Amino acid sequence: MNRQAFVLKTLLFCLLLPAALAFGQIDKIVIPAGTPEDHDLQAISAEQDAAKKLAMYQDFVQRYASNPAAVAYGNWQLSQAYQTSGDLNKALEYGDKALVGSPRNLDILVLQATIAQQEKDNSRLMTYAAKGGEVCASIAKQKKPEGMGDEDFNRQIEDEKNASKNNCDFLESAGFNAIVSEQDAKARMAEIESFSAAFPDSKFSNDVASYAMYTLGPGQLNDQARLFSYGEKTLAANPNSLPALLLLAGTYVDDPHPGSLAKAVTYSQKAIAVAKADAPDADKSRKLSAGTAHSILGYAYIKQDKTQAAIPELKSAVALLKGQDEQQYSIALYRLGFAYAKLNRINEARDVLTEAVKINGPVQSLSQDLLAKVNSARAKGR
């Protein structure tokens, strides 16, 4: 879009919008047509030499230092010019200056996020994405101006959402990609928390919760208290979050504090109900979630000395996990074998454990030890 068309479109947009929207949630830079600033910008746009154009924008920012809109616009253009030339540090520097004058401008935030992506600077990328998420969420939270009808107000909100959709979708995706590509666990968790606050209803919520589980769990930060806090906070926002339900069920089942086993039972039962593994549309992910939840529930019952009740849960887990997830399948087999052995159902325990010992993984040696004890008991019983 040429400079004059941009000015006319932006000015018309702001004249047509009610004041509460034009000056409320999303910043728009307006350089009125016919002003000295506009004349200078037209001259800059007409310049074909990139180096001369860059110098002219720098002079423009100095000349109109008392005009915040002109300064923000000039710095925004300088940021784009430096991005084009490949000087990404300068591009980010001038983009940040533009945000000082227009902090809730989604176009500038998208530019900055794009440059941060090019720089592979996840921390800065998340800063811009989270700020953008805050701006996007604020659209629906506006107060209706006095004297405006509900229908007109709702239409204005929808128009604003539609106009901002592409920018908001980009910032949400960019923020999620920062989490995915982050190698440092501490930094990743900080990014997850920023993202979750900025995009509470994100289409990536389940995936983000899974990354949080992994990051806070053993082998990464190993921060159980923070894991509980994150899981509970996630469920407060989305009570049907399968990753959060499984996170809490699986963590509470091994937590020694009073009441933890009861919580493990509650969360695993809720996960089974949410997964609906028997539904015609249940996909592999839902069946795996249900299988894991049945396995945790059976394990919790064993620890509560409700071994008889554990058997059907663990059998369901084995059926759902077989051929789907080898490691979770082996864990469910071991737990089922343990339950049978505890009830002195030796032959059934032997059959299950014989299958479990064939699978390499964290419970293979446990399964081998238990199978040896079961075989010994079986021999004595003859």
Protein backbone atom coordinates (compact mmCIF):
# COMPACT_ATOMS: atom_id res chain seq x y z
CA MET A 1 0.00 0.00 0.00
CA ASN A 2 1.41 3.43 -0.89
CA ARG A 3 1.87 6.05 1.78
CA GLN A 4 -1.04 8.27 0.77
CA ALA A 5 -3.46 5.33 0.59
CA PHE A 6 -2.29 4.20 4.03
CA VAL A 7 -2.93 7.64 5.51
CA LEU A 8 -6.37 8.00 3.96
CA LYS A 9 -7.44 4.49 4.96
CA THR A 10 -6.19 4.88 8.53
CA LEU A 11 -7.73 8.31 8.93
CA LEU A 12 -11.07 7.16 7.55
CA PHE A 13 -10.99 4.10 9.82
CA CYS A 14 -10.46 6.24 12.91
CA LEU A 15 -13.10 8.78 11.92
CA LEU A 16 -15.70 6.07 11.47
CA LEU A 17 -14.97 4.18 14.69
CA PRO A 18 -16.60 5.32 17.94
CA ALA A 19 -14.13 7.08 20.22
CA ALA A 20 -14.14 4.29 22.77
CA LEU A 21 -12.89 1.84 20.17
CA ALA A 22 -10.64 4.16 18.23
CA PHE A 23 -8.68 5.14 21.30
CA GLY A 24 -9.31 2.18 23.59
CA GLN A 25 -7.91 -1.26 23.01
CA ILE A 26 -5.69 -1.28 19.92
CA ASP A 27 -3.32 1.51 18.93
CA LYS A 28 -3.55 2.89 15.39
CA ILE A 29 -1.01 5.43 14.16
CA VAL A 30 -2.67 8.38 12.41
CA ILE A 31 -0.77 10.95 10.36
CA PRO A 32 -3.47 13.31 9.02
CA ALA A 33 -3.34 13.98 5.31
CA GLY A 34 -2.07 17.40 4.28
CA THR A 35 0.14 17.97 7.33
CA PRO A 36 3.88 18.68 7.05
CA GLU A 37 4.51 15.17 8.41
CA ASP A 38 2.38 13.69 5.65
CA HIS A 39 4.16 15.71 2.94
CA ASP A 40 7.55 14.55 4.23
CA LEU A 41 6.43 10.94 4.34
CA GLN A 42 5.24 11.12 0.75
CA ALA A 43 8.67 12.42 -0.26
CA ILE A 44 10.33 9.56 1.63
CA SER A 45 8.06 7.00 -0.05
CA ALA A 46 9.02 8.36 -3.44
CA GLU A 47 12.74 7.89 -2.76
CA GLN A 48 14.08 4.77 -4.49
CA ASP A 49 17.54 4.64 -2.93
CA ALA A 50 17.38 2.50 0.25
CA ALA A 51 20.26 4.27 2.01
CA LYS A 52 18.81 7.73 1.30
CA LYS A 53 15.36 6.59 2.42
CA LEU A 54 16.83 5.31 5.70
CA ALA A 55 18.54 8.65 6.33
CA MET A 56 15.32 10.50 5.52
CA TYR A 57 13.34 8.44 8.06
CA GLN A 58 15.99 9.16 10.72
CA ASP A 59 15.75 12.86 9.93
CA PHE A 60 11.95 12.62 10.03
CA VAL A 61 12.03 11.16 13.55
CA GLN A 62 14.30 13.98 14.73
CA ARG A 63 12.34 16.73 12.98
CA TYR A 64 9.01 15.68 14.48
CA ALA A 65 10.28 14.59 17.87
CA SER A 66 7.40 16.43 19.56
CA ASN A 67 4.78 14.41 17.64
CA PRO A 68 4.47 10.94 19.27
CA ALA A 69 2.53 9.48 16.34
CA ALA A 70 5.12 10.68 13.82
CA VAL A 71 7.99 9.34 15.94
CA ALA A 72 6.28 5.95 16.38
CA TYR A 73 5.56 5.71 12.66
CA GLY A 74 9.09 6.75 11.69
CA ASN A 75 10.67 4.23 14.04
CA TRP A 76 8.34 1.53 12.75
CA GLN A 77 9.49 2.22 9.19
CA LEU A 78 13.13 2.25 10.30
CA SER A 79 12.62 -1.13 11.93
CA GLN A 80 11.26 -2.57 8.68
CA ALA A 81 14.11 -1.00 6.70
CA TYR A 82 16.76 -2.53 8.95
CA GLN A 83 14.99 -5.90 8.83
CA THR A 84 15.11 -5.77 5.04
CA SER A 85 18.81 -4.92 5.09
CA GLY A 86 19.50 -7.84 7.46
CA ASP A 87 20.49 -5.78 10.51
CA LEU A 88 18.12 -7.50 12.92
CA ASN A 89 19.55 -5.94 16.07
CA LYS A 90 18.88 -2.46 14.70
CA ALA A 91 15.47 -3.60 13.52
CA LEU A 92 14.52 -4.73 17.04
CA GLU A 93 15.95 -1.54 18.53
CA TYR A 94 13.83 0.74 16.35
CA GLY A 95 10.78 -1.50 16.69
CA ASP A 96 11.02 -1.19 20.47
CA LYS A 97 11.21 2.59 20.09
CA ALA A 98 8.08 2.47 17.96
CA LEU A 99 6.30 0.48 20.69
CA VAL A 100 7.12 3.17 23.23
CA GLY A 101 4.90 5.54 21.28
CA SER A 102 2.32 2.92 20.24
CA PRO A 103 2.54 0.07 22.78
CA ARG A 104 -0.74 -1.65 21.84
CA ASN A 105 -0.15 -1.66 18.09
CA LEU A 106 -0.59 -5.20 16.78
CA ASP A 107 1.13 -4.47 13.47
CA ILE A 108 4.30 -3.40 15.27
CA LEU A 109 4.10 -6.30 17.73
CA VAL A 110 3.81 -8.74 14.81
CA LEU A 111 6.83 -7.14 13.14
CA GLN A 112 8.86 -7.42 16.35
CA ALA A 113 7.80 -11.03 16.88
CA THR A 114 8.82 -11.84 13.31
CA ILE A 115 12.24 -10.27 13.76
CA ALA A 116 12.73 -12.07 17.09
CA GLN A 117 11.91 -15.33 15.31
CA GLN A 118 14.56 -14.57 12.72
CA GLU A 119 17.02 -13.87 15.53
CA LYS A 120 15.96 -17.11 17.28
CA ASP A 121 15.44 -15.03 20.44
CA ASN A 122 12.63 -16.92 22.16
CA SER A 123 12.57 -14.68 25.21
CA ARG A 124 11.92 -11.53 23.21
CA LEU A 125 9.55 -13.36 20.91
CA MET A 126 7.43 -14.42 23.87
CA THR A 127 7.48 -10.86 25.24
CA TYR A 128 5.95 -9.54 22.02
CA ALA A 129 3.54 -12.47 21.64
CA ALA A 130 2.30 -12.16 25.23
CA LYS A 131 1.78 -8.42 24.89
CA GLY A 132 -0.12 -9.05 21.68
CA GLY A 133 -2.23 -11.70 23.38
CA GLU A 134 -3.13 -9.21 26.08
CA VAL A 135 -4.19 -6.67 23.44
CA CYS A 136 -6.21 -9.27 21.51
CA ALA A 137 -8.01 -10.42 24.66
CA SER A 138 -8.86 -6.83 25.59
CA ILE A 139 -11.05 -6.41 22.52
CA ALA A 140 -13.87 -8.45 24.03
CA LYS A 141 -13.47 -6.82 27.44
CA GLN A 142 -14.29 -3.29 26.35
CA LYS A 143 -17.05 -1.42 28.12
CA LYS A 144 -19.99 -0.30 26.06
CA PRO A 145 -19.92 3.47 25.51
CA GLU A 146 -22.79 5.35 27.08
CA GLY A 147 -25.66 5.78 24.67
CA MET A 148 -24.63 2.96 22.30
CA GLY A 149 -27.11 0.14 21.70
CA ASP A 150 -26.17 -3.47 22.39
CA GLU A 151 -26.48 -4.49 18.75
CA ASP A 152 -24.20 -1.71 17.52
CA PHE A 153 -21.68 -2.38 20.27
CA ASN A 154 -21.57 -6.12 19.59
CA ARG A 155 -21.14 -5.43 15.88
CA GLN A 156 -18.21 -3.10 16.59
CA ILE A 157 -16.57 -5.73 18.78
CA GLU A 158 -16.93 -8.39 16.07
CA ASP A 159 -15.55 -5.99 13.46
CA GLU A 160 -12.55 -5.29 15.66
CA LYS A 161 -11.99 -9.01 16.27
CA ASN A 162 -12.19 -9.77 12.56
CA ALA A 163 -9.81 -6.94 11.67
CA SER A 164 -7.29 -8.20 14.23
CA LYS A 165 -7.71 -11.95 13.66
CA ASN A 166 -4.69 -12.54 11.43
CA ASN A 167 -2.36 -10.64 13.75
CA CYS A 168 -3.75 -12.35 16.85
CA ASP A 169 -3.50 -15.81 15.26
CA PHE A 170 0.09 -15.14 14.21
CA LEU A 171 1.15 -13.99 17.68
CA GLU A 172 -0.51 -17.00 19.32
CA SER A 173 1.23 -19.43 16.95
CA ALA A 174 4.56 -17.62 17.28
CA GLY A 175 4.37 -17.81 21.07
CA PHE A 176 3.63 -21.54 20.98
CA ASN A 177 6.50 -22.15 18.56
CA ALA A 178 8.84 -20.37 20.98
CA ILE A 179 7.88 -22.91 23.66
CA VAL A 180 8.37 -25.83 21.28
CA SER A 181 11.84 -24.68 20.19
CA GLU A 182 13.12 -23.66 23.64
CA GLN A 183 15.91 -25.95 24.86
CA ASP A 184 16.41 -24.51 28.35
CA ALA A 185 13.88 -25.93 30.83
CA LYS A 186 13.81 -22.89 33.11
CA ALA A 187 13.33 -20.51 30.18
CA ARG A 188 10.70 -22.81 28.66
CA MET A 189 8.65 -22.80 31.84
CA ALA A 190 8.80 -19.01 32.05
CA GLU A 191 7.57 -18.87 28.45
CA ILE A 192 4.77 -21.34 29.22
CA GLU A 193 3.56 -19.20 32.11
CA SER A 194 3.66 -16.03 30.00
CA PHE A 195 1.82 -17.75 27.15
CA SER A 196 -0.85 -19.25 29.43
CA ALA A 197 -1.59 -15.86 30.98
CA ALA A 198 -1.75 -14.10 27.59
CA PHE A 199 -3.74 -16.81 25.76
CA PRO A 200 -5.93 -18.50 28.40
CA ASP A 201 -8.27 -20.01 25.78
CA SER A 202 -5.58 -20.93 23.27
CA LYS A 203 -6.11 -23.67 20.71
CA PHE A 204 -2.70 -24.91 21.87
CA SER A 205 -3.72 -25.19 25.56
CA ASN A 206 -3.50 -28.99 25.74
CA ASP A 207 -0.11 -29.04 24.01
CA VAL A 208 1.19 -26.28 26.29
CA ALA A 209 0.00 -28.23 29.34
CA SER A 210 1.89 -31.28 28.06
CA TYR A 211 5.07 -29.23 27.71
CA ALA A 212 4.54 -27.91 31.24
CA MET A 213 4.24 -31.46 32.61
CA TYR A 214 7.42 -32.49 30.87
CA THR A 215 9.29 -29.35 31.94
CA LEU A 216 8.31 -29.52 35.60
CA GLY A 217 8.71 -33.27 35.88
CA PRO A 218 11.66 -35.57 36.59
CA GLY A 219 14.62 -35.10 34.29
CA GLN A 220 13.86 -31.43 33.81
CA LEU A 221 13.06 -28.99 36.65
CA ASN A 222 11.67 -31.71 38.95
CA ASP A 223 9.58 -29.10 40.77
CA GLN A 224 6.60 -30.95 42.23
CA ALA A 225 5.13 -27.98 44.11
CA ARG A 226 5.15 -25.87 40.97
CA LEU A 227 3.76 -28.78 38.98
CA PHE A 228 0.78 -29.05 41.34
CA SER A 229 0.25 -25.29 41.15
CA TYR A 230 0.37 -25.23 37.36
CA GLY A 231 -1.96 -28.21 37.03
CA GLU A 232 -4.55 -26.77 39.42
CA LYS A 233 -4.37 -23.38 37.70
CA THR A 234 -4.84 -25.03 34.30
CA LEU A 235 -7.90 -26.93 35.52
CA ALA A 236 -9.37 -23.76 36.99
CA ALA A 237 -9.32 -22.29 33.49
CA ASN A 238 -10.21 -25.55 31.68
CA PRO A 239 -11.71 -28.27 33.92
CA ASN A 240 -11.59 -30.80 31.07
CA SER A 241 -7.89 -30.47 30.24
CA LEU A 242 -6.75 -34.08 29.81
CA PRO A 243 -3.02 -33.28 30.11
CA ALA A 244 -3.62 -31.44 33.39
CA LEU A 245 -5.87 -34.18 34.78
CA LEU A 246 -3.30 -36.87 33.95
CA LEU A 247 -0.48 -34.67 35.25
CA LEU A 248 -2.15 -34.29 38.63
CA ALA A 249 -3.37 -37.89 38.86
CA GLY A 250 0.05 -39.30 38.01
CA THR A 251 1.86 -36.99 40.42
CA TYR A 252 -0.54 -37.32 43.35
CA VAL A 253 -0.53 -41.13 43.14
CA ASP A 254 3.15 -41.16 44.17
CA ASP A 255 2.93 -38.25 46.62
CA PRO A 256 3.24 -39.42 50.26
CA HIS A 257 1.18 -36.63 51.84
CA PRO A 258 -2.22 -37.43 53.37
CA GLY A 259 -5.07 -37.02 50.92
CA SER A 260 -2.92 -37.36 47.82
CA LEU A 261 -4.19 -40.83 46.88
CA ALA A 262 -7.78 -39.60 47.09
CA LYS A 263 -6.88 -36.76 44.72
CA ALA A 264 -5.22 -39.22 42.35
CA VAL A 265 -8.44 -41.24 42.27
CA THR A 266 -10.56 -38.14 41.63
CA TYR A 267 -8.40 -36.80 38.82
CA SER A 268 -7.96 -40.16 37.09
CA GLN A 269 -11.71 -40.82 37.21
CA LYS A 270 -12.35 -37.37 35.72
CA ALA A 271 -9.77 -38.04 32.98
CA ILE A 272 -11.54 -41.30 32.09
CA ALA A 273 -14.87 -39.48 31.87
CA VAL A 274 -13.45 -36.68 29.73
CA ALA A 275 -11.54 -39.00 27.36
CA LYS A 276 -14.66 -41.04 26.51
CA ALA A 277 -12.57 -43.82 25.01
CA ASP A 278 -15.69 -45.85 24.11
CA ALA A 279 -17.19 -43.06 22.00
CA PRO A 280 -17.31 -43.69 18.22
CA ASP A 281 -15.22 -40.59 17.55
CA ALA A 282 -12.52 -41.40 20.14
CA ASP A 283 -9.10 -41.03 18.50
CA LYS A 284 -5.77 -42.59 19.50
CA SER A 285 -4.90 -39.68 21.80
CA ARG A 286 -8.11 -40.01 23.80
CA LYS A 287 -7.72 -43.77 24.08
CA LEU A 288 -4.15 -43.38 25.30
CA SER A 289 -5.28 -40.81 27.86
CA ALA A 290 -8.05 -43.10 29.08
CA GLY A 291 -5.68 -46.08 29.24
CA THR A 292 -3.16 -44.12 31.26
CA ALA A 293 -5.89 -42.85 33.58
CA HIS A 294 -7.21 -46.41 34.16
CA SER A 295 -3.65 -47.50 34.96
CA ILE A 296 -3.18 -44.69 37.50
CA LEU A 297 -6.59 -45.39 39.04
CA GLY A 298 -5.79 -49.09 39.44
CA TYR A 299 -2.42 -48.24 40.98
CA ALA A 300 -4.10 -45.85 43.43
CA TYR A 301 -6.57 -48.56 44.45
CA ILE A 302 -3.69 -50.98 45.09
CA LYS A 303 -2.02 -48.40 47.34
CA GLN A 304 -5.35 -47.90 49.15
CA ASP A 305 -5.56 -51.69 49.72
CA LYS A 306 -8.53 -51.90 47.34
CA THR A 307 -6.80 -54.48 45.18
CA GLN A 308 -9.98 -56.20 44.04
CA ALA A 309 -11.26 -52.90 42.67
CA ALA A 310 -7.92 -52.32 40.93
CA ILE A 311 -8.21 -55.39 38.69
CA PRO A 312 -10.92 -54.15 36.25
CA GLU A 313 -9.23 -50.73 35.98
CA LEU A 314 -5.89 -52.28 35.11
CA LYS A 315 -7.45 -54.71 32.65
CA SER A 316 -9.08 -51.75 30.90
CA ALA A 317 -5.73 -49.98 30.86
CA VAL A 318 -4.00 -53.00 29.28
CA ALA A 319 -6.68 -53.30 26.60
CA LEU A 320 -6.53 -49.59 25.69
CA LEU A 321 -2.74 -49.29 25.71
CA LYS A 322 -1.80 -52.51 23.88
CA GLY A 323 -0.31 -51.68 20.52
CA GLN A 324 -0.58 -47.96 21.24
CA ASP A 325 2.09 -47.03 23.81
CA GLU A 326 4.60 -49.73 24.67
CA GLN A 327 5.92 -48.10 27.85
CA GLN A 328 2.52 -47.30 29.35
CA TYR A 329 1.36 -50.76 28.31
CA SER A 330 4.26 -52.39 30.17
CA ILE A 331 3.54 -50.33 33.30
CA ALA A 332 -0.13 -51.35 33.24
CA LEU A 333 0.88 -55.00 32.81
CA TYR A 334 3.24 -54.83 35.77
CA ARG A 335 0.60 -53.22 37.97
CA LEU A 336 -1.98 -55.82 36.92
CA GLY A 337 0.50 -58.62 37.59
CA PHE A 338 1.22 -57.13 41.01
CA ALA A 339 -2.50 -56.94 41.82
CA TYR A 340 -3.07 -60.57 40.80
CA ALA A 341 -0.07 -61.67 42.87
CA LYS A 342 -1.31 -59.73 45.88
CA LEU A 343 -4.64 -61.55 45.63
CA ASN A 344 -2.76 -64.87 45.23
CA ARG A 345 -4.13 -65.33 41.72
CA ILE A 346 -0.83 -66.87 40.72
CA ASN A 347 -1.60 -68.22 37.26
CA GLU A 348 -3.12 -64.94 36.11
CA ALA A 349 -0.18 -63.01 37.57
CA ARG A 350 2.26 -65.30 35.75
CA ASP A 351 0.52 -64.83 32.38
CA VAL A 352 0.51 -61.04 32.65
CA LEU A 353 4.09 -60.75 33.90
CA THR A 354 5.38 -63.10 31.20
CA GLU A 355 4.13 -60.52 28.72
CA ALA A 356 5.55 -57.59 30.69
CA VAL A 357 9.12 -58.92 30.84
CA LYS A 358 9.33 -58.93 27.03
CA ILE A 359 9.19 -55.13 26.91
CA ASN A 360 12.32 -53.05 27.43
CA GLY A 361 11.67 -50.13 29.72
CA PRO A 362 11.56 -48.79 33.28
CA VAL A 363 9.52 -51.67 34.73
CA GLN A 364 11.16 -54.59 32.92
CA SER A 365 13.46 -55.48 35.82
CA LEU A 366 10.62 -55.08 38.32
CA SER A 367 8.48 -57.38 36.21
CA GLN A 368 11.31 -59.95 36.05
CA ASP A 369 11.75 -59.89 39.83
CA LEU A 370 8.05 -60.23 40.48
CA LEU A 371 7.70 -63.00 37.90
CA ALA A 372 10.48 -64.94 39.63
CA LYS A 373 8.62 -64.67 42.95
CA VAL A 374 5.34 -65.71 41.31
CA ASN A 375 6.97 -68.73 39.66
CA SER A 376 8.52 -69.71 42.99
CA ALA A 377 5.15 -69.46 44.73
CA ARG A 378 3.53 -71.43 41.92
CA ALA A 379 6.12 -74.20 42.24
CA LYS A 380 5.60 -74.46 46.00
CA GLY A 381 1.86 -74.64 45.51
CA ARG A 382 1.95 -77.69 43.33
